[in-house]
Amino acid sequence: MFKDWQLAMMEDYGLMDTNTGLINRVARRLAQSPNSTIKTVEFRAACYQSGVDPDSFTQKDLEQLQRKLNELT
């Protein structure tokens, strides 16, 4: 059985298909962008590359994604 800290690490790295894990996966992909402003096309491409449906994002998800990007950059 995994310990709580191990589960948190797996989710942080997107190894679990939880909502937070998926958002973190997209954030890590976007953090590699050389652009300071992410355009819609780049956001959608990062989602597809991460196995996430870009149309499934809610406003709350986008806010969480922005917080994660701020942490990573």
Protein backbone atom coordinates (compact mmCIF):
# COMPACT_ATOMS: atom_id res chain seq x y z
CA MET A 1 0.00 0.00 0.00
CA PHE A 2 1.23 3.49 -0.81
CA LYS A 3 1.82 6.07 1.89
CA ASP A 4 0.13 9.47 1.65
CA TRP A 5 3.33 11.25 0.58
CA GLN A 6 3.86 8.69 -2.20
CA LEU A 7 0.34 9.22 -3.53
CA ALA A 8 0.85 12.99 -3.43
CA MET A 9 4.08 12.65 -5.42
CA MET A 10 2.41 10.43 -8.01
CA GLU A 11 -0.45 12.89 -8.41
CA ASP A 12 1.93 15.85 -8.62
CA TYR A 13 3.76 14.19 -11.49
CA GLY A 14 0.52 13.31 -13.27
CA LEU A 15 0.87 9.58 -12.80
CA MET A 16 -2.68 9.30 -11.48
CA ASP A 17 -5.67 10.27 -13.58
CA THR A 18 -7.16 12.58 -11.01
CA ASN A 19 -8.24 16.05 -12.02
CA THR A 20 -5.27 17.60 -10.22
CA GLY A 21 -2.88 15.15 -11.81
CA LEU A 22 -4.18 16.00 -15.27
CA ILE A 23 -3.91 19.73 -14.63
CA ASN A 24 -0.36 19.28 -13.33
CA ARG A 25 0.56 17.31 -16.42
CA VAL A 26 -0.68 20.11 -18.71
CA ALA A 27 1.04 22.74 -16.54
CA ARG A 28 4.40 20.98 -16.80
CA ARG A 29 4.03 20.85 -20.59
CA LEU A 30 3.12 24.57 -20.77
CA ALA A 31 5.96 25.51 -18.41
CA GLN A 32 8.39 24.33 -21.11
CA SER A 33 7.08 26.99 -23.49
CA PRO A 34 9.48 29.81 -24.34
CA ASN A 35 6.49 32.18 -24.62
CA SER A 36 5.48 34.39 -21.72
CA THR A 37 1.86 34.38 -22.91
CA ILE A 38 0.17 31.09 -23.72
CA LYS A 39 -2.11 31.26 -26.73
CA THR A 40 -5.19 29.07 -27.14
CA VAL A 41 -3.53 26.94 -29.82
CA GLU A 42 -0.57 26.22 -27.54
CA PHE A 43 -2.88 25.43 -24.61
CA ARG A 44 -4.91 22.99 -26.70
CA ALA A 45 -1.76 21.33 -28.08
CA ALA A 46 -0.37 20.88 -24.55
CA CYS A 47 -3.66 19.32 -23.47
CA TYR A 48 -3.69 16.87 -26.37
CA GLN A 49 -0.04 15.96 -25.79
CA SER A 50 -0.87 15.30 -22.14
CA GLY A 51 -3.93 13.19 -22.92
CA VAL A 52 -6.39 15.78 -21.61
CA ASP A 53 -9.51 17.09 -23.35
CA PRO A 54 -9.05 20.89 -23.48
CA ASP A 55 -12.81 21.40 -23.67
CA SER A 56 -13.29 19.73 -20.29
CA PHE A 57 -11.57 22.56 -18.38
CA THR A 58 -13.80 24.59 -16.09
CA GLN A 59 -12.94 28.06 -14.81
CA LYS A 60 -11.83 26.48 -11.53
CA ASP A 61 -9.52 24.12 -13.45
CA LEU A 62 -8.01 27.05 -15.37
CA GLU A 63 -7.37 28.90 -12.12
CA GLN A 64 -5.68 25.81 -10.68
CA LEU A 65 -3.63 25.51 -13.87
CA GLN A 66 -2.52 29.15 -13.54
CA ARG A 67 -1.45 28.59 -9.92
CA LYS A 68 0.57 25.53 -10.93
CA LEU A 69 2.21 27.41 -13.79
CA ASN A 70 3.15 30.20 -11.39
CA GLU A 71 4.82 27.61 -9.14
CA LEU A 72 6.74 26.07 -12.03
CA THR A 73 7.96 29.28 -13.65
